[in-house]
Protein backbone atom coordinates (compact mmCIF):
# COMPACT_ATOMS: atom_id res chain seq x y z
CA UNK A 1 -125.23 32.25 30.19
CA UNK A 2 -127.99 30.68 28.14
CA UNK A 3 -131.51 31.68 29.09
CA UNK A 4 -134.35 29.16 29.39
CA UNK A 5 -138.03 29.96 29.78
CA UNK A 6 -140.03 27.63 32.02
CA UNK A 7 -143.81 27.94 31.69
CA UNK A 8 -145.20 26.14 34.73
CA UNK A 9 -148.05 27.01 37.12
CA UNK A 10 -147.08 24.59 39.90
CA UNK A 11 -144.47 26.13 42.21
CA UNK A 12 -142.99 22.78 43.27
CA UNK A 13 -142.52 21.68 39.65
CA UNK A 14 -141.10 25.11 38.76
CA UNK A 15 -138.56 24.89 41.59
CA UNK A 16 -137.54 21.37 40.57
CA UNK A 17 -136.94 22.10 36.88
CA UNK A 18 -135.32 25.47 37.70
CA UNK A 19 -132.92 23.72 40.07
CA UNK A 20 -131.92 21.25 37.37
CA UNK A 21 -131.43 24.01 34.77
CA UNK A 22 -129.42 26.28 37.08
CA UNK A 23 -127.23 23.35 38.08
CA UNK A 24 -126.12 23.22 34.43
CA UNK A 25 -125.49 26.95 34.18
CA UNK A 26 -128.74 28.14 32.64
CA UNK A 27 -130.44 31.39 33.57
CA UNK A 28 -134.10 30.63 34.26
CA UNK A 29 -137.00 32.95 33.55
CA UNK A 30 -140.49 31.74 34.30
CA UNK A 31 -144.15 32.29 33.57
CA UNK A 32 -147.07 30.93 35.54
CA UNK A 33 -149.50 30.85 32.61
CA UNK A 34 -149.56 30.42 28.85
CA UNK A 35 -150.21 34.03 27.87
CA UNK A 36 -147.27 35.29 29.94
CA UNK A 37 -145.18 32.45 28.53
CA UNK A 38 -145.89 33.57 24.97
CA UNK A 39 -145.04 37.18 25.86
CA UNK A 40 -141.74 36.17 27.49
CA UNK A 41 -140.83 33.81 24.64
CA UNK A 42 -141.14 36.71 22.20
CA UNK A 43 -139.52 39.41 24.34
CA UNK A 44 -136.73 37.40 26.01
CA UNK A 45 -135.73 35.05 23.16
CA UNK A 46 -134.65 32.13 25.36
CA UNK A 47 -132.42 29.31 24.07
CA UNK A 48 -135.28 26.87 24.61
CA UNK A 49 -138.59 26.60 26.44
CA UNK A 50 -139.92 24.06 28.93
CA UNK A 51 -143.72 24.16 28.52
CA UNK A 52 -146.23 22.64 30.90
CA UNK A 53 -149.33 21.53 29.00
CA UNK A 54 -151.94 22.05 31.74
CA UNK A 55 -151.98 25.80 32.43
CA UNK A 56 -154.68 28.00 33.98
CA UNK A 57 -155.47 30.24 30.98
CA UNK A 58 -154.50 28.98 27.54
CA UNK A 59 -152.96 25.52 27.66
CA UNK A 60 -149.40 24.76 26.68
CA UNK A 61 -150.46 23.47 23.28
CA UNK A 62 -152.09 26.79 22.38
CA UNK A 63 -149.15 28.72 23.84
CA UNK A 64 -146.82 26.64 21.67
CA UNK A 65 -148.91 27.34 18.57
CA UNK A 66 -148.79 31.08 19.30
CA UNK A 67 -145.02 31.02 19.78
CA UNK A 68 -144.63 29.07 16.53
CA UNK A 69 -146.70 31.69 14.68
CA UNK A 70 -144.66 34.57 16.08
CA UNK A 71 -141.98 35.86 13.75
CA UNK A 72 -139.45 36.32 16.54
CA UNK A 73 -139.44 32.81 17.98
CA UNK A 74 -140.99 30.50 15.42
CA UNK A 75 -138.16 27.96 15.50
CA UNK A 76 -137.19 27.94 19.19
CA UNK A 77 -137.10 24.44 20.72
CA UNK A 78 -140.12 23.87 22.96
CA UNK A 79 -140.17 20.85 25.25
CA UNK A 80 -143.53 19.81 26.66
CA UNK A 81 -143.66 18.46 30.19
CA UNK A 82 -146.93 17.10 31.42
CA UNK A 83 -148.60 14.69 33.76
CA UNK A 84 -150.87 13.71 30.85
CA UNK A 85 -149.82 10.22 29.94
CA UNK A 86 -152.71 9.15 27.76
CA UNK A 87 -152.31 7.61 24.34
CA UNK A 88 -152.02 10.37 21.78
CA UNK A 89 -150.90 13.13 24.18
CA UNK A 90 -147.34 13.10 22.86
CA UNK A 91 -148.62 13.24 19.27
CA UNK A 92 -150.81 16.23 20.13
CA UNK A 93 -147.83 18.05 21.63
CA UNK A 94 -145.69 17.37 18.56
CA UNK A 95 -148.45 18.42 16.16
CA UNK A 96 -148.86 21.68 18.12
CA UNK A 97 -145.17 22.38 17.49
CA UNK A 98 -143.32 20.97 20.48
CA UNK A 99 -139.84 19.67 19.81
CA UNK A 100 -140.14 16.92 22.41
CA UNK A 101 -142.22 15.62 25.28
CA UNK A 102 -141.43 14.42 28.80
CA UNK A 103 -143.83 13.01 31.37
CA UNK A 104 -143.97 14.22 34.96
CA UNK A 105 -142.71 13.62 37.49
CA UNK A 106 -139.30 14.58 36.21
CA UNK A 107 -136.08 13.42 37.82
CA UNK A 108 -133.91 16.52 38.45
CA UNK A 109 -130.78 14.34 38.33
CA UNK A 110 -131.43 12.99 34.82
CA UNK A 111 -133.72 15.50 33.11
CA UNK A 112 -130.88 17.63 31.78
CA UNK A 113 -129.25 14.65 30.07
CA UNK A 114 -132.60 13.96 28.39
CA UNK A 115 -133.12 17.60 27.40
CA UNK A 116 -129.59 17.91 26.02
CA UNK A 117 -129.97 14.64 24.09
CA UNK A 118 -133.25 15.84 22.59
CA UNK A 119 -131.70 19.15 21.56
CA UNK A 120 -128.41 17.62 20.39
CA UNK A 121 -126.39 19.54 22.99
CA UNK A 122 -123.40 17.86 24.68
CA UNK A 123 -124.16 17.61 28.40
CA UNK A 124 -121.53 19.34 30.52
CA UNK A 125 -120.13 17.54 33.52
CA UNK A 126 -120.32 18.92 37.07
CA UNK A 127 -117.31 21.14 36.31
CA UNK A 128 -119.00 22.69 33.27
CA UNK A 129 -116.82 20.82 30.76
CA UNK A 130 -118.28 19.46 27.55
CA UNK A 131 -121.36 21.61 27.13
């Protein structure tokens, strides 16, 4: 089972994205702040990371930079999710090292198709075929 790290401080958002990931067979590990997210990214080596940008300690952009600088996980895909929808926010996320960017609220029924498309992974069907 592929492991995914979700760095998200809002419990409702964490439950929603975790539900979508588990539905597609991913094991979900989570962190409620950026520092813990960096630690788990290095120690757990997930397949990819879902990174909230607005976090209570270091923000998701700084957490992404730290993961990118780490030798263990410098190339792991990191997908930013944020309620920030201002001009330039997506560019900031990409410059910080994010692989992609999605705005909240996410739709748990379609987010995995979008994540898989971004990462170039075939999306499995409900029976687990194709992924």
